[in-house]
Structure formats: C-alpha cells, structure tokens
C-alpha cells in the first residue's frame, strides 16, 4: 500500500531563496547551494532528473532554529 502525501508543502528553489532572504532581497541560488553543501540549509527532495523541491516546513523550522540559536 502506498501513502499519498499532499505536495502543497513542496516549494521550488526560487521560493526557498525568498523564504530565507525575504521577498524584497531573496538570497541568490548559488548562496542556497553553498549553504546546502555546508549543511546550513536543508537538502532538497529530488522529484525528477532535474527537479528539486523543498518542504516549506523544513525551511521554516531551520529558520526558527537559527533564530533561537542567536542568543
């Protein structure tokens, strides 16, 4: 039996950049990938040969964790 997961939580690279940097000044996609490689940002879910998606909830949880760690 397969479990169907609603993908409304899945967001693309541009949306992740906006979530992390803000809508006015999103981070650059190269900054996103450097952060992923350094372990700062969550890794994407591979949904196709060249299609990556992130769970918005994971990105928001990462931002909450960073905010709590600052002091």
N, C-alpha and C. Protein backbone atom coordinates (compact mmCIF):
# COMPACT_ATOMS: atom_id res chain seq x y z
N UNK A 1 0.83 -1.18 0.00
CA UNK A 1 0.00 0.00 0.00
C UNK A 1 0.87 1.24 0.00
N UNK A 2 0.55 2.21 -0.82
CA UNK A 2 1.30 3.46 -0.91
C UNK A 2 0.57 4.56 -0.16
N UNK A 3 1.34 5.37 0.50
CA UNK A 3 0.76 6.52 1.18
C UNK A 3 0.87 7.73 0.27
N UNK A 4 -0.20 8.43 0.08
CA UNK A 4 -0.20 9.64 -0.74
C UNK A 4 0.06 10.82 0.17
N UNK A 5 1.07 11.61 -0.20
CA UNK A 5 1.43 12.78 0.59
C UNK A 5 1.06 14.02 -0.22
N UNK A 6 0.32 14.91 0.40
CA UNK A 6 -0.03 16.16 -0.29
C UNK A 6 1.25 16.96 -0.50
N UNK A 7 1.44 17.47 -1.71
CA UNK A 7 2.67 18.20 -2.01
C UNK A 7 2.49 19.71 -1.89
N UNK A 8 1.47 20.15 -1.20
CA UNK A 8 1.26 21.59 -1.05
C UNK A 8 2.37 22.22 -0.22
N UNK A 9 3.12 21.40 0.52
CA UNK A 9 4.23 21.87 1.33
C UNK A 9 5.51 22.00 0.51
N UNK A 10 5.52 21.45 -0.71
CA UNK A 10 6.73 21.46 -1.52
C UNK A 10 6.88 22.79 -2.26
N UNK A 11 8.10 23.34 -2.19
CA UNK A 11 8.37 24.62 -2.85
C UNK A 11 9.63 24.49 -3.71
N UNK A 12 9.74 25.36 -4.70
CA UNK A 12 10.88 25.31 -5.61
C UNK A 12 12.04 26.16 -5.10
N UNK A 13 13.13 26.15 -5.85
CA UNK A 13 14.36 26.85 -5.48
C UNK A 13 14.12 28.35 -5.25
N UNK A 14 13.39 28.97 -6.14
CA UNK A 14 13.13 30.41 -6.01
C UNK A 14 12.36 30.73 -4.73
N UNK A 15 11.40 29.88 -4.38
CA UNK A 15 10.62 30.09 -3.17
C UNK A 15 11.49 29.92 -1.92
N UNK A 16 12.41 28.96 -1.95
CA UNK A 16 13.33 28.77 -0.82
C UNK A 16 14.20 30.01 -0.65
N UNK A 17 14.71 30.53 -1.75
CA UNK A 17 15.54 31.73 -1.70
C UNK A 17 14.77 32.92 -1.12
N UNK A 18 13.48 33.02 -1.45
CA UNK A 18 12.65 34.10 -0.89
C UNK A 18 12.36 33.87 0.58
N UNK A 19 12.13 32.61 0.98
CA UNK A 19 11.85 32.31 2.38
C UNK A 19 13.06 32.66 3.25
N UNK A 20 14.25 32.32 2.80
CA UNK A 20 15.45 32.55 3.59
C UNK A 20 15.84 34.02 3.60
N UNK A 21 15.81 34.67 2.45
CA UNK A 21 16.29 36.05 2.36
C UNK A 21 15.21 37.10 2.46
N UNK A 22 13.96 36.71 2.27
CA UNK A 22 12.86 37.67 2.26
C UNK A 22 12.43 37.98 0.84
N UNK A 23 11.23 38.47 0.70
CA UNK A 23 10.70 38.73 -0.65
C UNK A 23 11.38 39.92 -1.32
N UNK A 24 11.82 40.88 -0.52
CA UNK A 24 12.48 42.06 -1.09
C UNK A 24 13.91 41.77 -1.52
N UNK A 25 14.61 40.93 -0.75
CA UNK A 25 16.02 40.63 -1.04
C UNK A 25 16.30 39.14 -0.89
N UNK A 26 15.75 38.31 -1.78
CA UNK A 26 15.98 36.87 -1.66
C UNK A 26 17.47 36.55 -1.83
N UNK A 27 17.90 35.44 -1.21
CA UNK A 27 19.28 35.04 -1.41
C UNK A 27 19.46 34.53 -2.83
N UNK A 28 20.67 34.55 -3.33
CA UNK A 28 20.98 34.04 -4.67
C UNK A 28 20.98 32.51 -4.62
N UNK A 29 20.64 31.88 -5.73
CA UNK A 29 20.59 30.42 -5.75
C UNK A 29 21.96 29.80 -5.46
N UNK A 30 23.04 30.47 -5.84
CA UNK A 30 24.38 29.95 -5.52
C UNK A 30 24.61 29.96 -4.01
N UNK A 31 24.09 30.98 -3.33
CA UNK A 31 24.20 31.05 -1.87
C UNK A 31 23.41 29.91 -1.24
N UNK A 32 22.25 29.61 -1.79
CA UNK A 32 21.44 28.50 -1.30
C UNK A 32 22.23 27.20 -1.40
N UNK A 33 22.82 26.93 -2.55
CA UNK A 33 23.53 25.67 -2.75
C UNK A 33 24.81 25.60 -1.93
N UNK A 34 25.48 26.72 -1.72
CA UNK A 34 26.64 26.72 -0.82
C UNK A 34 26.20 26.37 0.60
N UNK A 35 25.06 26.92 1.02
CA UNK A 35 24.52 26.62 2.34
C UNK A 35 24.11 25.17 2.49
N UNK A 36 23.56 24.59 1.43
CA UNK A 36 23.18 23.17 1.45
C UNK A 36 24.44 22.32 1.58
N UNK A 37 25.46 22.63 0.77
CA UNK A 37 26.70 21.86 0.81
C UNK A 37 27.42 21.99 2.14
N UNK A 38 27.26 23.13 2.82
CA UNK A 38 27.88 23.35 4.12
C UNK A 38 27.05 22.77 5.27
N UNK A 39 25.83 22.32 4.97
CA UNK A 39 24.97 21.75 5.99
C UNK A 39 24.13 22.78 6.75
N UNK A 40 24.13 24.03 6.29
CA UNK A 40 23.35 25.10 6.93
C UNK A 40 21.87 25.03 6.55
N UNK A 41 21.59 24.66 5.31
CA UNK A 41 20.22 24.64 4.79
C UNK A 41 19.81 23.21 4.49
N UNK A 42 18.52 22.90 4.54
CA UNK A 42 18.06 21.53 4.26
C UNK A 42 18.29 21.13 2.81
N UNK A 43 18.59 19.86 2.63
CA UNK A 43 18.78 19.32 1.27
C UNK A 43 17.42 19.20 0.59
N UNK A 44 17.42 19.32 -0.74
CA UNK A 44 16.15 19.20 -1.47
C UNK A 44 15.71 17.75 -1.61
N UNK A 45 14.46 17.59 -1.98
CA UNK A 45 13.90 16.30 -2.33
C UNK A 45 13.95 16.23 -3.86
N UNK A 46 14.56 15.20 -4.39
CA UNK A 46 14.68 15.02 -5.83
C UNK A 46 13.38 14.42 -6.35
N UNK A 47 12.61 15.17 -7.13
CA UNK A 47 11.35 14.66 -7.65
C UNK A 47 11.40 14.35 -9.14
N UNK A 48 12.54 14.61 -9.76
CA UNK A 48 12.74 14.32 -11.17
C UNK A 48 14.20 14.47 -11.49
N UNK A 49 14.59 14.15 -12.73
CA UNK A 49 16.00 14.22 -13.10
C UNK A 49 16.65 15.58 -12.82
N UNK A 50 15.92 16.64 -13.05
CA UNK A 50 16.48 17.97 -12.79
C UNK A 50 15.48 18.84 -12.02
N UNK A 51 14.67 18.18 -11.19
CA UNK A 51 13.64 18.89 -10.43
C UNK A 51 13.87 18.66 -8.94
N UNK A 52 14.13 19.75 -8.24
CA UNK A 52 14.31 19.71 -6.79
C UNK A 52 13.17 20.47 -6.13
N UNK A 53 12.74 19.96 -5.00
CA UNK A 53 11.73 20.65 -4.19
C UNK A 53 12.15 20.54 -2.73
N UNK A 54 11.72 21.50 -1.95
CA UNK A 54 11.99 21.51 -0.52
C UNK A 54 10.65 21.52 0.21
N UNK A 55 10.63 20.97 1.38
CA UNK A 55 9.45 21.09 2.24
C UNK A 55 9.54 22.47 2.91
N UNK A 56 8.52 23.28 2.70
CA UNK A 56 8.50 24.61 3.31
C UNK A 56 8.61 24.50 4.82
N UNK A 57 8.00 23.47 5.39
CA UNK A 57 8.05 23.28 6.84
C UNK A 57 9.48 23.05 7.33
N UNK A 58 10.31 22.36 6.55
CA UNK A 58 11.70 22.14 6.94
C UNK A 58 12.50 23.44 6.88
N UNK A 59 12.25 24.24 5.85
CA UNK A 59 12.96 25.52 5.72
C UNK A 59 12.55 26.45 6.86
N UNK A 60 11.26 26.51 7.17
CA UNK A 60 10.79 27.36 8.26
C UNK A 60 11.33 26.88 9.61
N UNK A 61 11.40 25.57 9.80
CA UNK A 61 11.96 25.02 11.04
C UNK A 61 13.44 25.39 11.16
N UNK A 62 14.18 25.35 10.05
CA UNK A 62 15.58 25.73 10.04
C UNK A 62 15.73 27.20 10.43
N UNK A 63 14.87 28.06 9.90
CA UNK A 63 14.93 29.48 10.23
C UNK A 63 14.60 29.71 11.71
N UNK A 64 13.62 28.98 12.24
CA UNK A 64 13.29 29.07 13.67
C UNK A 64 14.48 28.66 14.52
N UNK A 65 15.14 27.57 14.12
CA UNK A 65 16.29 27.08 14.87
C UNK A 65 17.41 28.14 14.85
N UNK A 66 17.66 28.74 13.69
CA UNK A 66 18.70 29.77 13.58
C UNK A 66 18.35 30.98 14.46
N UNK A 67 17.09 31.35 14.49
CA UNK A 67 16.66 32.49 15.30
C UNK A 67 16.84 32.21 16.78
N UNK A 68 16.54 30.99 17.22
CA UNK A 68 16.71 30.63 18.63
C UNK A 68 18.17 30.54 19.02
N UNK A 69 19.03 30.14 18.08
CA UNK A 69 20.46 29.96 18.37
C UNK A 69 21.22 31.28 18.48
N UNK A 70 20.60 32.37 18.06
CA UNK A 70 21.34 33.65 18.04
C UNK A 70 21.47 34.29 19.42
N UNK A 71 20.77 33.77 20.40
CA UNK A 71 21.00 34.39 21.69
C UNK A 71 20.01 34.06 22.69
